[in-house]
Protein backbone atom coordinates (compact mmCIF):
# COMPACT_ATOMS: atom_id res chain seq x y z
CA MET A 1 23.62 28.59 7.48
CA ARG A 2 21.53 29.41 10.67
CA ASN A 3 20.84 27.39 13.65
CA LEU A 4 17.32 27.86 15.17
CA LEU A 5 16.48 26.72 18.75
CA LEU A 6 12.70 25.82 19.01
CA THR A 7 11.10 25.60 22.46
CA ILE A 8 7.74 23.52 22.34
CA SER A 9 5.36 21.89 24.54
CA PHE A 10 3.08 19.05 23.57
CA ASP A 11 0.38 16.56 24.69
CA GLY A 12 1.86 13.15 23.93
CA SER A 13 -1.44 11.19 24.11
CA ASN A 14 -1.73 10.87 20.40
CA TYR A 15 1.97 10.29 19.50
CA HIS A 16 4.43 7.44 19.76
CA GLY A 17 7.03 9.57 21.24
CA TRP A 18 9.41 12.20 19.83
CA GLN A 19 11.52 10.23 17.33
CA VAL A 20 10.39 9.56 13.82
CA GLN A 21 9.34 5.96 13.27
CA GLU A 22 8.04 3.87 10.55
CA ASN A 23 4.27 3.44 10.47
CA ALA A 24 3.81 5.53 13.71
CA ILE A 25 2.84 9.25 14.18
CA THR A 26 5.53 11.15 16.20
CA VAL A 27 6.14 14.52 17.62
CA GLN A 28 9.22 15.03 15.42
CA GLN A 29 7.60 13.92 12.28
CA THR A 30 4.55 16.27 12.92
CA LEU A 31 6.77 19.09 13.49
CA GLN A 32 8.98 18.45 10.42
CA ASP A 33 5.83 18.17 8.27
CA ALA A 34 4.76 21.59 9.47
CA TYR A 35 8.08 23.11 8.93
CA GLU A 36 8.28 21.64 5.41
CA ARG A 37 4.89 23.10 4.69
CA ILE A 38 5.92 26.53 5.76
CA CYS A 39 9.57 26.53 4.39
CA GLY A 40 9.43 24.34 1.44
CA VAL A 41 12.37 22.10 2.61
CA ARG A 42 12.72 19.33 5.00
CA ASP A 43 15.53 20.45 7.30
CA ASN A 44 16.50 17.98 10.05
CA ILE A 45 15.07 18.72 13.45
CA THR A 46 17.21 17.74 16.40
CA GLY A 47 15.50 17.02 19.65
CA CYS A 48 16.80 17.39 23.26
CA SER A 49 15.62 13.95 24.28
CA ARG A 50 13.58 10.84 23.15
CA THR A 51 10.28 10.38 24.79
CA ASP A 52 8.16 7.36 25.21
CA SER A 53 4.75 6.84 23.66
CA GLY A 54 2.06 8.82 25.59
CA VAL A 55 4.60 11.03 27.50
CA HIS A 56 4.00 14.74 27.53
CA ALA A 57 6.25 17.82 27.53
CA ASN A 58 5.82 21.12 29.32
CA MET A 59 9.11 22.13 27.81
CA TYR A 60 10.96 20.54 25.03
CA CYS A 61 13.90 21.90 23.03
CA CYS A 62 15.00 21.35 19.55
CA ASN A 63 17.35 22.86 16.95
CA ILE A 64 17.14 23.29 13.13
CA ARG A 65 20.13 24.12 10.94
CA THR A 66 18.69 25.94 7.87
CA GLU A 67 19.61 28.19 5.05
CA LYS A 68 16.15 29.83 5.24
CA GLU A 69 15.96 33.51 6.29
CA ILE A 70 12.60 33.44 7.81
CA ASP A 71 12.22 35.63 10.87
CA CYS A 72 11.93 33.74 14.09
CA GLY A 73 8.70 35.38 15.37
CA LYS A 74 7.07 34.81 11.93
CA LEU A 75 8.31 31.17 12.07
CA THR A 76 6.83 30.75 15.46
CA GLY A 77 3.34 32.22 14.37
CA ALA A 78 3.39 30.10 11.26
CA LEU A 79 4.13 26.78 12.88
CA ASN A 80 1.39 27.51 15.53
CA ALA A 81 -0.96 28.13 12.70
CA VAL A 82 -0.49 24.73 10.92
CA LEU A 83 0.44 22.37 13.83
CA PRO A 84 -2.28 20.40 15.55
CA ASP A 85 -3.69 21.72 18.74
CA ASP A 86 -1.63 19.39 20.90
CA ILE A 87 1.63 20.79 19.87
CA ALA A 88 2.61 24.43 20.46
CA VAL A 89 5.85 26.42 19.69
CA LYS A 90 6.61 28.59 22.62
CA SER A 91 9.67 30.37 21.09
CA CYS A 92 12.32 30.51 18.37
CA ALA A 93 15.65 31.99 18.65
CA GLU A 94 18.67 31.96 16.59
CA VAL A 95 21.67 30.40 18.45
CA GLY A 96 25.42 29.57 17.53
CA TYR A 97 25.85 26.95 14.71
CA ASP A 98 27.47 24.53 16.95
CA PHE A 99 24.72 24.42 19.40
CA HIS A 100 22.97 21.02 19.73
CA ALA A 101 19.73 20.45 21.58
CA ARG A 102 20.76 17.24 22.97
CA TYR A 103 24.42 17.25 23.72
CA ASP A 104 24.49 20.82 25.17
CA CYS A 105 21.83 19.93 27.68
CA LYS A 106 23.19 20.10 31.25
CA SER A 107 20.17 18.75 32.96
CA LYS A 108 16.49 17.81 32.63
CA GLU A 109 13.57 17.77 34.97
CA TYR A 110 10.66 15.38 34.88
CA ILE A 111 7.49 15.43 36.79
CA TYR A 112 5.19 12.43 37.16
CA GLN A 113 1.70 13.18 38.38
CA ILE A 114 -0.30 10.82 40.59
CA TRP A 115 -4.11 11.40 41.17
CA ASN A 116 -4.32 9.89 44.72
CA SER A 117 -8.05 9.66 45.40
CA GLU A 118 -10.54 6.98 45.79
CA ASN A 119 -12.42 8.46 42.82
CA LYS A 120 -11.06 8.63 39.32
CA HIS A 121 -10.87 11.95 37.66
CA PRO A 122 -12.56 12.23 34.12
CA PHE A 123 -10.39 15.03 32.99
CA LEU A 124 -6.94 13.91 34.33
CA TYR A 125 -6.72 10.19 33.10
CA LYS A 126 -4.50 11.21 30.27
CA TYR A 127 -2.27 13.25 32.41
CA SER A 128 -1.82 11.29 35.63
CA LEU A 129 -1.72 7.83 37.24
CA HIS A 130 -4.95 7.18 39.25
CA HIS A 131 -3.84 5.57 42.54
CA LYS A 132 -6.57 5.14 45.05
CA TYR A 133 -4.72 3.98 48.00
CA PRO A 134 -3.27 6.36 50.59
CA LEU A 135 0.10 7.79 49.87
CA ASP A 136 2.39 9.48 52.38
CA GLU A 137 4.31 11.90 50.41
CA VAL A 138 6.46 12.94 53.18
CA PHE A 139 7.83 9.44 53.98
CA LEU A 140 8.08 8.87 50.10
CA SER A 141 10.14 12.00 49.75
CA ARG A 142 12.46 10.82 52.27
CA CYS A 143 12.76 7.63 50.35
CA ALA A 144 13.24 9.53 47.01
CA LYS A 145 16.19 11.48 48.46
CA GLU A 146 18.18 8.26 48.15
CA PHE A 147 17.97 8.74 44.47
CA THR A 148 20.21 11.78 44.74
CA GLY A 149 23.87 11.68 43.81
CA THR A 150 26.00 9.91 41.27
CA HIS A 151 25.02 6.15 40.99
CA ASP A 152 24.83 3.39 38.46
CA PHE A 153 21.06 3.29 37.88
CA SER A 154 21.04 -0.20 36.20
CA ALA A 155 18.10 -1.20 38.36
CA PHE A 156 16.10 1.51 37.12
CA CYS A 157 16.63 0.95 33.34
CA ALA A 158 14.29 -0.98 31.25
CA ALA A 159 15.55 -4.43 30.21
CA GLY A 160 17.02 -4.63 26.56
CA SER A 161 18.45 -1.05 26.65
CA SER A 162 21.49 -0.66 24.58
CA VAL A 163 23.07 1.94 26.63
CA GLU A 164 26.27 0.74 28.24
CA ASP A 165 27.04 3.54 30.76
CA LYS A 166 24.20 3.61 33.23
CA VAL A 167 25.80 6.06 35.56
CA ARG A 168 23.79 9.33 36.15
CA THR A 169 23.88 12.16 38.57
CA VAL A 170 20.52 12.99 40.07
CA SER A 171 20.34 16.58 41.73
CA TYR A 172 16.93 16.50 43.20
CA ALA A 173 14.11 13.91 43.70
CA GLY A 174 11.13 14.39 45.80
CA LEU A 175 7.14 14.39 46.14
CA GLU A 176 4.82 17.18 46.81
CA ARG A 177 1.03 17.37 47.26
CA ASP A 178 -1.55 19.75 46.17
CA GLY A 179 -4.89 18.31 47.26
CA ASP A 180 -5.36 14.94 45.72
CA MET A 181 -2.50 15.50 43.24
CA VAL A 182 0.84 14.08 44.26
CA THR A 183 3.68 15.09 42.06
CA PHE A 184 7.17 13.27 41.76
CA ARG A 185 9.85 15.57 40.67
CA VAL A 186 13.34 14.61 39.60
CA GLU A 187 16.22 16.43 38.01
CA ALA A 188 19.37 14.82 36.68
CA ASP A 189 22.14 15.27 34.15
CA GLY A 190 20.60 12.41 31.92
CA PHE A 191 17.94 9.68 32.36
CA LEU A 192 17.91 6.00 31.10
CA TYR A 193 15.19 4.31 29.21
CA ASN A 194 11.98 4.23 31.44
CA MET A 195 14.16 5.39 34.34
CA VAL A 196 11.74 8.01 35.89
CA ARG A 197 8.67 5.60 35.44
CA ILE A 198 10.65 2.72 37.08
CA MET A 199 11.38 5.22 39.99
CA VAL A 200 7.74 5.85 40.51
CA GLY A 201 6.86 2.38 40.31
CA THR A 202 9.34 1.51 43.05
CA LEU A 203 8.15 4.31 45.34
CA LEU A 204 4.53 3.00 44.79
CA GLY A 205 5.75 -0.52 45.63
CA ILE A 206 7.46 0.77 48.86
CA SER A 207 4.28 2.59 49.71
CA CYS A 208 2.06 -0.39 49.51
CA GLY A 209 4.63 -2.74 51.11
CA LYS A 210 5.38 -4.87 48.12
CA ILE A 211 8.88 -3.67 48.28
CA THR A 212 10.64 -3.86 51.60
CA GLU A 213 14.18 -2.80 50.38
CA SER A 214 15.43 0.74 50.60
CA VAL A 215 15.88 2.68 47.39
CA GLY A 216 19.51 2.93 48.21
CA ASP A 217 19.76 -1.00 48.37
CA ILE A 218 17.98 -1.30 45.20
CA ILE A 219 20.35 1.13 43.44
CA GLU A 220 23.23 -0.84 44.79
CA SER A 221 21.98 -4.13 43.64
CA ARG A 222 21.90 -2.97 39.95
CA ASP A 223 19.21 -5.46 39.43
CA ARG A 224 16.17 -4.46 37.52
CA GLU A 225 14.16 -7.22 39.11
CA ARG A 226 14.42 -5.65 42.60
CA ALA A 227 12.96 -2.42 41.43
CA GLY A 228 9.30 -1.77 41.09
CA ILE A 229 7.03 -1.68 37.94
CA THR A 230 7.20 0.63 35.15
CA ALA A 231 4.57 3.20 35.89
CA PRO A 232 2.33 4.03 32.93
CA PRO A 233 3.39 6.92 30.65
CA GLU A 234 0.42 9.22 31.05
CA GLY A 235 1.65 10.79 34.25
CA LEU A 236 4.91 11.65 32.93
CA PHE A 237 6.02 15.19 31.71
CA LEU A 238 9.43 16.36 30.59
CA ASN A 239 9.23 19.71 32.53
CA LYS A 240 12.41 21.73 32.13
CA ILE A 241 15.63 21.81 30.09
CA VAL A 242 18.73 23.48 31.26
CA TYR A 243 21.51 24.57 29.05
């Protein structure tokens, strides 16, 4: 029995997230369909993380335990030949049998793109949030630094989440500007449901004066009602996985 690590990237616009769902097209299902077409078996594909509907990935990792002897390079080429254009396999490597794409992950980095211009961008509306009001990325970066450290992030978790332990360690959080594109970047050992999107919504709320509390005070409150809105999914990318 072999264990194969696939590194992929995908445009999530046409998918209801990663995980297989009834009556909805997902990235996992599409990848499993392609693998079955090539190998003739439906081996389970284990992903490194769930992603929301419409969220993208510059880097996403998954593993397949299989008895098939197909060469890794040939599998990469074959998958790319049959997958739709919005999913790409970047690499395939054989790893130890015990490797698990999700549980062996040490940290993940997400980015969220904000198109900060009075005018909308016809080619970026699927990959960024259009925010036409001024943003001070230097000030917001100072605010975002309060996300760093080990905290209970209950205030930044979507209501109804079944996760009991909401303590996570954030190693970096900040914003950077390149012309009209402002990018929020955050790395942590794990993320709660909608956590990054609520972080972004909170920073935007602070920017426009709708939220007057500090990020630190909101974290300490553990109260979802005191944080900002959940920013839309289009601007969110899973950017890097560290093992």
